[in-house]
Amino acid sequence: MLAIRLDADTANRLDRLAKKTGRTKTFYAREAILEHLGDLEDIYLATQRLQRPAKTFSAEDVKHELGL
């Protein structure tokens, strides 16, 4: 179960869309979350990575390590 607060304009738009299409407001809320959840996860992971960057190696270092 999830409860969200929407500003009046957004709530009205969602209500109108649901009524026009015969679908529930829950359907559209779920669709919006699913559509954007992957992007939000990617942003979070990228931000975390930028705060703690991994060690990098030059091409020469890699060649030397691999004996090339």
N, C-alpha and C. Protein backbone atom coordinates (compact mmCIF):
# COMPACT_ATOMS: atom_id res chain seq x y z
N MET A 1 0.85 -1.17 0.00
CA MET A 1 0.00 0.00 0.00
C MET A 1 0.89 1.23 0.00
N LEU A 2 0.51 2.21 -0.76
CA LEU A 2 1.26 3.45 -0.89
C LEU A 2 0.28 4.61 -0.95
N ALA A 3 0.56 5.64 -0.19
CA ALA A 3 -0.26 6.85 -0.25
C ALA A 3 0.64 8.00 -0.67
N ILE A 4 0.16 8.80 -1.63
CA ILE A 4 0.95 9.95 -2.07
C ILE A 4 0.07 11.19 -2.04
N ARG A 5 0.71 12.32 -1.79
CA ARG A 5 0.00 13.60 -1.82
C ARG A 5 0.36 14.29 -3.12
N LEU A 6 -0.65 14.76 -3.82
CA LEU A 6 -0.45 15.49 -5.07
C LEU A 6 -1.02 16.89 -4.92
N ASP A 7 -0.41 17.84 -5.60
CA ASP A 7 -0.99 19.17 -5.60
C ASP A 7 -2.32 19.09 -6.34
N ALA A 8 -3.17 20.08 -6.12
CA ALA A 8 -4.54 20.05 -6.65
C ALA A 8 -4.56 19.92 -8.17
N ASP A 9 -3.68 20.64 -8.87
CA ASP A 9 -3.67 20.58 -10.33
C ASP A 9 -3.33 19.18 -10.83
N THR A 10 -2.32 18.58 -10.25
CA THR A 10 -1.92 17.23 -10.67
C THR A 10 -3.02 16.22 -10.34
N ALA A 11 -3.61 16.35 -9.16
CA ALA A 11 -4.69 15.44 -8.77
C ALA A 11 -5.88 15.57 -9.72
N ASN A 12 -6.21 16.79 -10.11
CA ASN A 12 -7.32 17.01 -11.05
C ASN A 12 -7.01 16.43 -12.42
N ARG A 13 -5.79 16.62 -12.89
CA ARG A 13 -5.41 16.07 -14.19
C ARG A 13 -5.51 14.54 -14.17
N LEU A 14 -5.02 13.95 -13.09
CA LEU A 14 -5.06 12.49 -12.96
C LEU A 14 -6.50 12.00 -12.91
N ASP A 15 -7.33 12.70 -12.17
CA ASP A 15 -8.74 12.33 -12.07
C ASP A 15 -9.44 12.41 -13.42
N ARG A 16 -9.19 13.51 -14.16
CA ARG A 16 -9.80 13.66 -15.50
C ARG A 16 -9.35 12.55 -16.44
N LEU A 17 -8.05 12.24 -16.43
CA LEU A 17 -7.54 11.18 -17.30
C LEU A 17 -8.19 9.85 -16.97
N ALA A 18 -8.28 9.54 -15.70
CA ALA A 18 -8.89 8.27 -15.28
C ALA A 18 -10.35 8.20 -15.73
N LYS A 19 -11.07 9.28 -15.56
CA LYS A 19 -12.49 9.29 -15.96
C LYS A 19 -12.65 9.17 -17.47
N LYS A 20 -11.80 9.87 -18.22
CA LYS A 20 -11.90 9.83 -19.69
C LYS A 20 -11.56 8.45 -20.26
N THR A 21 -10.66 7.75 -19.61
CA THR A 21 -10.18 6.48 -20.17
C THR A 21 -10.82 5.25 -19.53
N GLY A 22 -11.52 5.45 -18.42
CA GLY A 22 -12.13 4.31 -17.74
C GLY A 22 -11.13 3.50 -16.94
N ARG A 23 -9.95 4.01 -16.76
CA ARG A 23 -8.94 3.34 -15.93
C ARG A 23 -8.90 4.02 -14.57
N THR A 24 -8.24 3.36 -13.62
CA THR A 24 -8.16 3.94 -12.28
C THR A 24 -6.97 4.88 -12.15
N LYS A 25 -7.07 5.76 -11.16
CA LYS A 25 -5.93 6.62 -10.86
C LYS A 25 -4.74 5.78 -10.42
N THR A 26 -5.01 4.69 -9.72
CA THR A 26 -3.94 3.78 -9.29
C THR A 26 -3.20 3.20 -10.49
N PHE A 27 -3.93 2.86 -11.54
CA PHE A 27 -3.30 2.34 -12.75
C PHE A 27 -2.27 3.34 -13.27
N TYR A 28 -2.68 4.61 -13.39
CA TYR A 28 -1.78 5.60 -13.95
C TYR A 28 -0.62 5.93 -13.01
N ALA A 29 -0.86 5.92 -11.72
CA ALA A 29 0.23 6.14 -10.76
C ALA A 29 1.25 5.01 -10.87
N ARG A 30 0.75 3.78 -10.97
CA ARG A 30 1.65 2.62 -11.11
C ARG A 30 2.45 2.71 -12.40
N GLU A 31 1.79 3.06 -13.49
CA GLU A 31 2.48 3.18 -14.79
C GLU A 31 3.58 4.25 -14.73
N ALA A 32 3.27 5.38 -14.11
CA ALA A 32 4.26 6.46 -14.01
C ALA A 32 5.46 6.02 -13.19
N ILE A 33 5.21 5.35 -12.08
CA ILE A 33 6.31 4.87 -11.25
C ILE A 33 7.16 3.86 -12.00
N LEU A 34 6.54 2.90 -12.63
CA LEU A 34 7.29 1.88 -13.37
C LEU A 34 8.10 2.49 -14.51
N GLU A 35 7.53 3.50 -15.16
CA GLU A 35 8.22 4.15 -16.28
C GLU A 35 9.49 4.86 -15.83
N HIS A 36 9.48 5.42 -14.64
CA HIS A 36 10.59 6.26 -14.21
C HIS A 36 11.48 5.65 -13.13
N LEU A 37 11.08 4.55 -12.55
CA LEU A 37 11.84 3.95 -11.45
C LEU A 37 13.26 3.56 -11.88
N GLY A 38 13.40 2.97 -13.04
CA GLY A 38 14.73 2.58 -13.54
C GLY A 38 15.64 3.79 -13.70
N ASP A 39 15.10 4.88 -14.23
CA ASP A 39 15.90 6.11 -14.39
C ASP A 39 16.34 6.64 -13.03
N LEU A 40 15.43 6.64 -12.06
CA LEU A 40 15.77 7.14 -10.73
C LEU A 40 16.83 6.27 -10.07
N GLU A 41 16.73 4.95 -10.26
CA GLU A 41 17.76 4.05 -9.72
C GLU A 41 19.11 4.33 -10.36
N ASP A 42 19.11 4.53 -11.67
CA ASP A 42 20.36 4.83 -12.39
C ASP A 42 20.98 6.13 -11.89
N ILE A 43 20.15 7.15 -11.68
CA ILE A 43 20.65 8.44 -11.19
C ILE A 43 21.28 8.26 -9.81
N TYR A 44 20.61 7.52 -8.95
CA TYR A 44 21.13 7.28 -7.60
C TYR A 44 22.47 6.56 -7.67
N LEU A 45 22.57 5.51 -8.47
CA LEU A 45 23.82 4.76 -8.57
C LEU A 45 24.94 5.61 -9.16
N ALA A 46 24.62 6.42 -10.16
CA ALA A 46 25.64 7.29 -10.76
C ALA A 46 26.12 8.32 -9.74
N THR A 47 25.22 8.88 -8.98
CA THR A 47 25.60 9.85 -7.95
C THR A 47 26.49 9.20 -6.90
N GLN A 48 26.13 8.01 -6.48
CA GLN A 48 26.96 7.28 -5.51
C GLN A 48 28.35 7.03 -6.07
N ARG A 49 28.43 6.63 -7.32
CA ARG A 49 29.71 6.32 -7.96
C ARG A 49 30.57 7.57 -8.07
N LEU A 50 29.97 8.70 -8.37
CA LEU A 50 30.71 9.95 -8.49
C LEU A 50 31.27 10.40 -7.13
N GLN A 51 30.58 10.05 -6.07
CA GLN A 51 31.06 10.41 -4.75
C GLN A 51 32.23 9.54 -4.30
N ARG A 52 32.29 8.32 -4.82
CA ARG A 52 33.39 7.41 -4.50
C ARG A 52 33.88 6.75 -5.78
N PRO A 53 34.63 7.48 -6.59
CA PRO A 53 35.07 6.92 -7.87
C PRO A 53 36.01 5.73 -7.68
N ALA A 54 35.93 4.79 -8.59
CA ALA A 54 36.79 3.62 -8.57
C ALA A 54 38.17 3.99 -9.09
N LYS A 55 39.16 3.19 -8.75
CA LYS A 55 40.50 3.42 -9.25
C LYS A 55 40.53 3.17 -10.75
N THR A 56 41.25 4.01 -11.46
CA THR A 56 41.36 3.84 -12.91
C THR A 56 42.79 3.45 -13.27
N PHE A 57 42.94 2.83 -14.42
CA PHE A 57 44.23 2.36 -14.90
C PHE A 57 44.44 2.86 -16.32
N SER A 58 45.63 3.24 -16.63
CA SER A 58 45.94 3.67 -17.99
C SER A 58 46.03 2.45 -18.90
N ALA A 59 45.95 2.69 -20.19
CA ALA A 59 46.09 1.59 -21.15
C ALA A 59 47.47 0.95 -21.01
N GLU A 60 48.48 1.77 -20.78
CA GLU A 60 49.84 1.24 -20.61
C GLU A 60 49.94 0.34 -19.39
N ASP A 61 49.32 0.73 -18.29
CA ASP A 61 49.32 -0.10 -17.08
C ASP A 61 48.66 -1.45 -17.35
N VAL A 62 47.53 -1.43 -18.07
CA VAL A 62 46.82 -2.67 -18.37
C VAL A 62 47.67 -3.55 -19.28
N LYS A 63 48.27 -2.98 -20.30
CA LYS A 63 49.13 -3.75 -21.21
C LYS A 63 50.28 -4.39 -20.44
N HIS A 64 50.88 -3.61 -19.57
CA HIS A 64 52.00 -4.12 -18.79
C HIS A 64 51.54 -5.27 -17.87
N GLU A 65 50.42 -5.08 -17.20
CA GLU A 65 49.89 -6.11 -16.31
C GLU A 65 49.56 -7.40 -17.04
N LEU A 66 49.09 -7.27 -18.30
CA LEU A 66 48.73 -8.44 -19.10
C LEU A 66 49.91 -8.98 -19.90
N GLY A 67 51.04 -8.33 -19.82
CA GLY A 67 52.23 -8.79 -20.54
C GLY A 67 52.13 -8.57 -22.04
N LEU A 68 51.47 -7.51 -22.43
CA LEU A 68 51.32 -7.23 -23.87
C LEU A 68 52.35 -6.22 -24.35
